[in-house]
PDB file of N, CA and C in Angstrom:
ATOM      1  N   MET A   1     -14.193 -16.169 -92.766  1.00  0.00           N
ATOM      2  CA  MET A   1     -15.184 -15.117 -93.083  1.00  0.00           C
ATOM      3  C   MET A   1     -14.454 -14.176 -94.102  1.00  0.00           C
ATOM      4  N   ASN A   2     -15.211 -13.776 -95.074  1.00  0.00           N
ATOM      5  CA  ASN A   2     -14.641 -12.728 -95.947  1.00  0.00           C
ATOM      6  C   ASN A   2     -14.691 -11.442 -95.265  1.00  0.00           C
ATOM      7  N   GLN A   3     -14.175 -10.440 -96.101  1.00  0.00           N
ATOM      8  CA  GLN A   3     -13.997  -9.110 -95.496  1.00  0.00           C
ATOM      9  C   GLN A   3     -15.326  -8.415 -95.259  1.00  0.00           C
ATOM     10  N   GLY A   4     -16.404  -8.561 -96.073  1.00  0.00           N
ATOM     11  CA  GLY A   4     -17.752  -8.032 -95.895  1.00  0.00           C
ATOM     12  C   GLY A   4     -18.309  -8.570 -94.464  1.00  0.00           C
ATOM     13  N   THR A   5     -18.306  -9.928 -94.322  1.00  0.00           N
ATOM     14  CA  THR A   5     -18.825 -10.529 -93.176  1.00  0.00           C
ATOM     15  C   THR A   5     -18.078 -10.036 -91.892  1.00  0.00           C
ATOM     16  N   THR A   6     -16.725  -9.849 -91.980  1.00  0.00           N
ATOM     17  CA  THR A   6     -15.912  -9.361 -90.821  1.00  0.00           C
ATOM     18  C   THR A   6     -16.303  -7.932 -90.531  1.00  0.00           C
ATOM     19  N   LYS A   7     -16.559  -7.105 -91.547  1.00  0.00           N
ATOM     20  CA  LYS A   7     -17.003  -5.636 -91.306  1.00  0.00           C
ATOM     21  C   LYS A   7     -18.324  -5.701 -90.528  1.00  0.00           C
ATOM     22  N   ILE A   8     -19.300  -6.418 -91.061  1.00  0.00           N
ATOM     23  CA  ILE A   8     -20.611  -6.601 -90.299  1.00  0.00           C
ATOM     24  C   ILE A   8     -20.479  -6.978 -88.857  1.00  0.00           C
ATOM     25  N   ALA A   9     -19.692  -7.843 -88.635  1.00  0.00           N
ATOM     26  CA  ALA A   9     -19.490  -8.491 -87.266  1.00  0.00           C
ATOM     27  C   ALA A   9     -18.861  -7.401 -86.407  1.00  0.00           C
ATOM     28  N   PHE A  10     -17.871  -6.706 -86.924  1.00  0.00           N
ATOM     29  CA  PHE A  10     -17.412  -5.466 -86.078  1.00  0.00           C
ATOM     30  C   PHE A  10     -18.381  -4.516 -85.901  1.00  0.00           C
ATOM     31  N   ASN A  11     -19.134  -4.173 -86.885  1.00  0.00           N
ATOM     32  CA  ASN A  11     -20.230  -3.262 -86.600  1.00  0.00           C
ATOM     33  C   ASN A  11     -21.098  -3.553 -85.616  1.00  0.00           C
ATOM     34  N   ILE A  12     -21.691  -4.822 -85.674  1.00  0.00           N
ATOM     35  CA  ILE A  12     -22.719  -5.299 -84.720  1.00  0.00           C
ATOM     36  C   ILE A  12     -22.085  -5.291 -83.262  1.00  0.00           C
ATOM     37  N   GLY A  13     -20.752  -5.743 -83.125  1.00  0.00           N
ATOM     38  CA  GLY A  13     -20.127  -5.856 -81.880  1.00  0.00           C
ATOM     39  C   GLY A  13     -19.820  -4.540 -81.415  1.00  0.00           C
ATOM     40  N   GLY A  14     -19.547  -3.600 -82.125  1.00  0.00           N
ATOM     41  CA  GLY A  14     -19.235  -2.141 -81.705  1.00  0.00           C
ATOM     42  C   GLY A  14     -20.582  -1.451 -81.260  1.00  0.00           C
ATOM     43  N   ALA A  15     -21.582  -1.800 -81.959  1.00  0.00           N
ATOM     44  CA  ALA A  15     -22.903  -1.291 -81.462  1.00  0.00           C
ATOM     45  C   ALA A  15     -23.288  -1.853 -80.170  1.00  0.00           C
ATOM     46  N   LEU A  16     -23.121  -3.249 -79.892  1.00  0.00           N
ATOM     47  CA  LEU A  16     -23.463  -3.661 -78.757  1.00  0.00           C
ATOM     48  C   LEU A  16     -22.632  -3.250 -77.586  1.00  0.00           C
ATOM     49  N   ILE A  17     -21.387  -3.129 -77.682  1.00  0.00           N
ATOM     50  CA  ILE A  17     -20.524  -2.574 -76.724  1.00  0.00           C
ATOM     51  C   ILE A  17     -20.851  -1.157 -76.447  1.00  0.00           C
ATOM     52  N   GLY A  18     -21.149  -0.297 -77.404  1.00  0.00           N
ATOM     53  CA  GLY A  18     -21.585   1.099 -77.213  1.00  0.00           C
ATOM     54  C   GLY A  18     -22.820   1.127 -76.405  1.00  0.00           C
ATOM     55  N   ALA A  19     -23.825   0.242 -76.951  1.00  0.00           N
ATOM     56  CA  ALA A  19     -25.052   0.154 -75.957  1.00  0.00           C
ATOM     57  C   ALA A  19     -24.945  -0.043 -74.628  1.00  0.00           C
ATOM     58  N   VAL A  20     -24.087  -1.018 -74.280  1.00  0.00           N
ATOM     59  CA  VAL A  20     -23.739  -1.463 -72.872  1.00  0.00           C
ATOM     60  C   VAL A  20     -23.046  -0.267 -72.228  1.00  0.00           C
ATOM     61  N   LEU A  21     -22.079   0.361 -72.785  1.00  0.00           N
ATOM     62  CA  LEU A  21     -21.474   1.512 -72.125  1.00  0.00           C
ATOM     63  C   LEU A  21     -22.453   2.618 -71.883  1.00  0.00           C
ATOM     64  N   ALA A  22     -23.398   3.003 -72.831  1.00  0.00           N
ATOM     65  CA  ALA A  22     -24.234   3.984 -72.658  1.00  0.00           C
ATOM     66  C   ALA A  22     -25.189   3.537 -71.493  1.00  0.00           C
ATOM     67  N   CYS A  23     -25.720   2.355 -71.341  1.00  0.00           N
ATOM     68  CA  CYS A  23     -26.552   1.940 -70.275  1.00  0.00           C
ATOM     69  C   CYS A  23     -25.722   2.065 -68.869  1.00  0.00           C
ATOM     70  N   VAL A  24     -24.569   1.709 -68.892  1.00  0.00           N
ATOM     71  CA  VAL A  24     -23.770   1.859 -67.571  1.00  0.00           C
ATOM     72  C   VAL A  24     -23.466   3.277 -67.307  1.00  0.00           C
ATOM     73  N   SER A  25     -23.239   4.151 -68.196  1.00  0.00           N
ATOM     74  CA  SER A  25     -23.076   5.611 -67.883  1.00  0.00           C
ATOM     75  C   SER A  25     -24.313   6.225 -67.504  1.00  0.00           C
ATOM     76  N   ILE A  26     -25.450   5.891 -68.115  1.00  0.00           N
ATOM     77  CA  ILE A  26     -26.859   6.421 -67.632  1.00  0.00           C
ATOM     78  C   ILE A  26     -27.141   6.004 -66.172  1.00  0.00           C
ATOM     79  N   PHE A  27     -26.877   4.630 -65.917  1.00  0.00           N
ATOM     80  CA  PHE A  27     -27.176   4.237 -64.631  1.00  0.00           C
ATOM     81  C   PHE A  27     -26.235   4.921 -63.548  1.00  0.00           C
ATOM     82  N   GLY A  28     -24.987   5.192 -63.817  1.00  0.00           N
ATOM     83  CA  GLY A  28     -24.118   5.832 -63.038  1.00  0.00           C
ATOM     84  C   GLY A  28     -24.587   7.270 -62.758  1.00  0.00           C
ATOM     85  N   LEU A  29     -24.895   7.915 -63.804  1.00  0.00           N
ATOM     86  CA  LEU A  29     -25.558   9.312 -63.560  1.00  0.00           C
ATOM     87  C   LEU A  29     -26.776   9.344 -62.639  1.00  0.00           C
ATOM     88  N   ILE A  30     -27.702   8.327 -62.805  1.00  0.00           N
ATOM     89  CA  ILE A  30     -28.835   8.262 -62.080  1.00  0.00           C
ATOM     90  C   ILE A  30     -28.383   7.993 -60.560  1.00  0.00           C
ATOM     91  N   ALA A  31     -27.557   7.052 -60.420  1.00  0.00           N
ATOM     92  CA  ALA A  31     -27.012   6.759 -58.978  1.00  0.00           C
ATOM     93  C   ALA A  31     -26.373   8.064 -58.359  1.00  0.00           C
ATOM     94  N   GLN A  32     -25.669   8.737 -59.182  1.00  0.00           N
ATOM     95  CA  GLN A  32     -24.988   9.959 -58.524  1.00  0.00           C
ATOM     96  C   GLN A  32     -26.036  11.066 -58.245  1.00  0.00           C
ATOM     97  N   GLN A  33     -26.936  11.180 -58.976  1.00  0.00           N
ATOM     98  CA  GLN A  33     -28.039  12.224 -58.759  1.00  0.00           C
ATOM     99  C   GLN A  33     -28.856  11.856 -57.514  1.00  0.00           C
ATOM    100  N   ASN A  34     -29.076  10.584 -57.348  1.00  0.00           N
ATOM    101  CA  ASN A  34     -29.862  10.137 -56.178  1.00  0.00           C
ATOM    102  C   ASN A  34     -29.025  10.235 -54.977  1.00  0.00           C
ATOM    103  N   SER A  35     -27.747  10.047 -54.927  1.00  0.00           N
ATOM    104  CA  SER A  35     -26.889  10.278 -53.786  1.00  0.00           C
ATOM    105  C   SER A  35     -26.826  11.695 -53.351  1.00  0.00           C
ATOM    106  N   VAL A  36     -26.792  12.551 -54.463  1.00  0.00           N
ATOM    107  CA  VAL A  36     -26.733  14.081 -54.048  1.00  0.00           C
ATOM    108  C   VAL A  36     -27.986  14.543 -53.319  1.00  0.00           C
ATOM    109  N   SER A  37     -29.140  13.988 -53.691  1.00  0.00           N
ATOM    110  CA  SER A  37     -30.462  14.533 -53.066  1.00  0.00           C
ATOM    111  C   SER A  37     -30.600  14.256 -51.590  1.00  0.00           C
ATOM    112  N   GLN A  38     -29.792  13.341 -51.037  1.00  0.00           N
ATOM    113  CA  GLN A  38     -29.887  13.206 -49.632  1.00  0.00           C
ATOM    114  C   GLN A  38     -29.254  14.248 -48.885  1.00  0.00           C
ATOM    115  N   PRO A  39     -29.844  14.815 -47.987  1.00  0.00           N
ATOM    116  CA  PRO A  39     -29.354  16.012 -47.084  1.00  0.00           C
ATOM    117  C   PRO A  39     -28.207  15.660 -46.240  1.00  0.00           C
ATOM    118  N   GLN A  40     -27.307  16.477 -46.291  1.00  0.00           N
ATOM    119  CA  GLN A  40     -26.080  16.219 -45.394  1.00  0.00           C
ATOM    120  C   GLN A  40     -26.323  17.172 -44.188  1.00  0.00           C
ATOM    121  N   THR A  41     -26.089  16.598 -42.904  1.00  0.00           N
ATOM    122  CA  THR A  41     -26.167  17.363 -41.703  1.00  0.00           C
ATOM    123  C   THR A  41     -24.752  17.558 -41.157  1.00  0.00           C
ATOM    124  N   TYR A  42     -24.560  18.744 -40.828  1.00  0.00           N
ATOM    125  CA  TYR A  42     -23.202  19.076 -40.293  1.00  0.00           C
ATOM    126  C   TYR A  42     -23.280  19.128 -38.680  1.00  0.00           C
ATOM    127  N   LYS A  43     -22.368  18.473 -38.115  1.00  0.00           N
ATOM    128  CA  LYS A  43     -22.381  18.490 -36.649  1.00  0.00           C
ATOM    129  C   LYS A  43     -20.823  18.903 -36.281  1.00  0.00           C
ATOM    130  N   SER A  44     -20.798  19.792 -35.347  1.00  0.00           N
ATOM    131  CA  SER A  44     -19.412  20.141 -34.882  1.00  0.00           C
ATOM    132  C   SER A  44     -18.650  19.098 -34.116  1.00  0.00           C
ATOM    133  N   THR A  45     -19.562  18.305 -33.368  1.00  0.00           N
ATOM    134  CA  THR A  45     -18.924  17.189 -32.528  1.00  0.00           C
ATOM    135  C   THR A  45     -18.938  16.035 -33.130  1.00  0.00           C
ATOM    136  N   ILE A  46     -17.912  15.242 -32.924  1.00  0.00           N
ATOM    137  CA  ILE A  46     -17.739  13.836 -33.597  1.00  0.00           C
ATOM    138  C   ILE A  46     -18.250  12.866 -32.519  1.00  0.00           C
ATOM    139  N   THR A  47     -19.266  11.984 -32.952  1.00  0.00           N
ATOM    140  CA  THR A  47     -19.661  10.967 -32.030  1.00  0.00           C
ATOM    141  C   THR A  47     -19.265   9.629 -32.648  1.00  0.00           C
ATOM    142  N   TYR A  48     -18.712   8.756 -31.829  1.00  0.00           N
ATOM    143  CA  TYR A  48     -18.224   7.499 -32.425  1.00  0.00           C
ATOM    144  C   TYR A  48     -19.136   6.365 -32.147  1.00  0.00           C
ATOM    145  N   GLY A  49     -20.036   6.434 -31.110  1.00  0.00           N
ATOM    146  CA  GLY A  49     -20.807   5.405 -30.727  1.00  0.00           C
ATOM    147  C   GLY A  49     -22.243   5.401 -31.331  1.00  0.00           C
ATOM    148  N   GLN A  50     -22.201   5.286 -32.622  1.00  0.00           N
ATOM    149  CA  GLN A  50     -23.460   5.332 -33.333  1.00  0.00           C
ATOM    150  C   GLN A  50     -24.013   3.836 -33.439  1.00  0.00           C
TER     151      GLN A  50
END
């Protein structure tokens, strides 16, 4: 491949990797927000037989 083709290939590859990373980070943020919305109940006694 000549230099122009290599540059285009790197640009396309970088764009694809960036898009994948963006999707993973957005999914991670959504999963984190969903886990925060669940209420946590505090109990002073520890029960082991649930």
